[in-house]
Amino acid sequence: VLTHTHPLWKAADVVPFVLLERSHVIDCFLEEMRREGLYPEQSHVERLASQLSYYTTGDKQFSRLGCKQVVAKVNLL
């Protein structure tokens, strides 16, 4: 247990790192477009999501950079 090694761990929040699937990236696009006051059309969001870089494991696609590029793509609209 980390709390035994250093008292700092008692106050620290540990945020797990997880890979974002393509569906999560699409959710990021939908949220960012709503935040910017744009109407998120599903076909348009799918097209924007397809422009990002993914790697495939089995039948799942995972984003190489998470949602980092989403804001930049939405700002270009």
C-alpha atoms as a PDB file:
ATOM      1  CA  VAL A   1       0.000   0.000   0.000  1.00  0.00           C
ATOM      2  CA  LEU A   2       1.366   3.400  -0.996  1.00  0.00           C
ATOM      3  CA  THR A   3       0.263   5.151   2.180  1.00  0.00           C
ATOM      4  CA  HIS A   4       2.869   3.183   4.107  1.00  0.00           C
ATOM      5  CA  THR A   5       5.752   4.411   1.917  1.00  0.00           C
ATOM      6  CA  HIS A   6       5.076   8.142   2.159  1.00  0.00           C
ATOM      7  CA  PRO A   7       2.431  10.245   3.935  1.00  0.00           C
ATOM      8  CA  LEU A   8       1.837  12.242   0.758  1.00  0.00           C
ATOM      9  CA  TRP A   9      -0.112   9.314  -0.679  1.00  0.00           C
ATOM     10  CA  LYS A  10      -2.791   9.789   2.003  1.00  0.00           C
ATOM     11  CA  ALA A  11      -3.748  13.123   0.450  1.00  0.00           C
ATOM     12  CA  ALA A  12      -3.090  12.258  -3.211  1.00  0.00           C
ATOM     13  CA  ASP A  13      -5.820  11.397  -5.652  1.00  0.00           C
ATOM     14  CA  VAL A  14      -4.696   8.668  -8.011  1.00  0.00           C
ATOM     15  CA  VAL A  15      -6.192   9.024 -11.475  1.00  0.00           C
ATOM     16  CA  PRO A  16      -5.967   5.841 -13.521  1.00  0.00           C
ATOM     17  CA  PHE A  17      -4.735   6.116 -17.095  1.00  0.00           C
ATOM     18  CA  VAL A  18      -7.057   4.377 -19.501  1.00  0.00           C
ATOM     19  CA  LEU A  19      -7.061   4.267 -23.258  1.00  0.00           C
ATOM     20  CA  LEU A  20      -9.885   6.031 -25.034  1.00  0.00           C
ATOM     21  CA  GLU A  21     -11.858   4.046 -27.556  1.00  0.00           C
ATOM     22  CA  ARG A  22     -13.171   5.678 -30.719  1.00  0.00           C
ATOM     23  CA  SER A  23     -16.632   5.954 -29.124  1.00  0.00           C
ATOM     24  CA  HIS A  24     -15.123   8.003 -26.273  1.00  0.00           C
ATOM     25  CA  VAL A  25     -13.474  10.334 -28.788  1.00  0.00           C
ATOM     26  CA  ILE A  26     -16.835  10.808 -30.491  1.00  0.00           C
ATOM     27  CA  ASP A  27     -18.288  11.749 -27.097  1.00  0.00           C
ATOM     28  CA  CYS A  28     -15.490  14.311 -26.734  1.00  0.00           C
ATOM     29  CA  PHE A  29     -16.441  15.807 -30.107  1.00  0.00           C
ATOM     30  CA  LEU A  30     -20.124  15.957 -29.155  1.00  0.00           C
ATOM     31  CA  GLU A  31     -19.351  17.662 -25.842  1.00  0.00           C
ATOM     32  CA  GLU A  32     -16.912  20.167 -27.358  1.00  0.00           C
ATOM     33  CA  MET A  33     -19.310  21.067 -30.173  1.00  0.00           C
ATOM     34  CA  ARG A  34     -22.135  21.640 -27.687  1.00  0.00           C
ATOM     35  CA  ARG A  35     -19.801  23.765 -25.552  1.00  0.00           C
ATOM     36  CA  GLU A  36     -19.010  25.914 -28.602  1.00  0.00           C
ATOM     37  CA  GLY A  37     -22.714  26.318 -29.407  1.00  0.00           C
ATOM     38  CA  LEU A  38     -22.608  24.117 -32.523  1.00  0.00           C
ATOM     39  CA  TYR A  39     -25.250  21.565 -33.388  1.00  0.00           C
ATOM     40  CA  PRO A  40     -23.397  18.223 -33.421  1.00  0.00           C
ATOM     41  CA  GLU A  41     -24.548  16.316 -36.482  1.00  0.00           C
ATOM     42  CA  GLN A  42     -23.642  12.625 -36.067  1.00  0.00           C
ATOM     43  CA  SER A  43     -22.324  12.126 -39.614  1.00  0.00           C
ATOM     44  CA  HIS A  44     -20.120  15.215 -39.275  1.00  0.00           C
ATOM     45  CA  VAL A  45     -18.806  14.051 -35.895  1.00  0.00           C
ATOM     46  CA  GLU A  46     -18.018  10.606 -37.357  1.00  0.00           C
ATOM     47  CA  ARG A  47     -16.111  12.235 -40.224  1.00  0.00           C
ATOM     48  CA  LEU A  48     -14.083  14.408 -37.828  1.00  0.00           C
ATOM     49  CA  ALA A  49     -13.323  11.413 -35.602  1.00  0.00           C
ATOM     50  CA  SER A  50     -12.110   9.431 -38.614  1.00  0.00           C
ATOM     51  CA  GLN A  51      -9.466  12.119 -39.285  1.00  0.00           C
ATOM     52  CA  LEU A  52      -7.708  11.314 -35.999  1.00  0.00           C
ATOM     53  CA  SER A  53      -5.069   8.655 -35.493  1.00  0.00           C
ATOM     54  CA  TYR A  54      -6.044   5.281 -33.975  1.00  0.00           C
ATOM     55  CA  TYR A  55      -4.491   1.912 -33.422  1.00  0.00           C
ATOM     56  CA  THR A  56      -6.454  -1.308 -33.559  1.00  0.00           C
ATOM     57  CA  THR A  57      -6.372  -4.143 -31.057  1.00  0.00           C
ATOM     58  CA  GLY A  58      -8.714  -6.977 -31.902  1.00  0.00           C
ATOM     59  CA  ASP A  59     -11.988  -5.374 -32.906  1.00  0.00           C
ATOM     60  CA  LYS A  60     -11.454  -2.123 -30.961  1.00  0.00           C
ATOM     61  CA  GLN A  61      -9.899   1.162 -32.042  1.00  0.00           C
ATOM     62  CA  PHE A  62      -8.035   3.245 -29.479  1.00  0.00           C
ATOM     63  CA  SER A  63      -7.102   6.878 -29.937  1.00  0.00           C
ATOM     64  CA  ARG A  64      -3.363   7.546 -30.098  1.00  0.00           C
ATOM     65  CA  LEU A  65      -3.712  10.997 -28.496  1.00  0.00           C
ATOM     66  CA  GLY A  66      -6.990  10.721 -26.595  1.00  0.00           C
ATOM     67  CA  CYS A  67      -9.171  13.799 -26.968  1.00  0.00           C
ATOM     68  CA  LYS A  68      -6.269  16.247 -27.279  1.00  0.00           C
ATOM     69  CA  GLN A  69      -6.930  17.018 -30.949  1.00  0.00           C
ATOM     70  CA  VAL A  70     -10.685  17.431 -30.563  1.00  0.00           C
ATOM     71  CA  VAL A  71     -10.622  21.111 -29.545  1.00  0.00           C
ATOM     72  CA  ALA A  72      -8.365  22.025 -32.464  1.00  0.00           C
ATOM     73  CA  LYS A  73     -10.590  20.177 -34.956  1.00  0.00           C
ATOM     74  CA  VAL A  74     -13.757  21.834 -33.620  1.00  0.00           C
ATOM     75  CA  ASN A  75     -12.102  25.266 -33.682  1.00  0.00           C
ATOM     76  CA  LEU A  76     -11.476  24.808 -37.438  1.00  0.00           C
ATOM     77  CA  LEU A  77     -15.228  24.547 -38.102  1.00  0.00           C
END
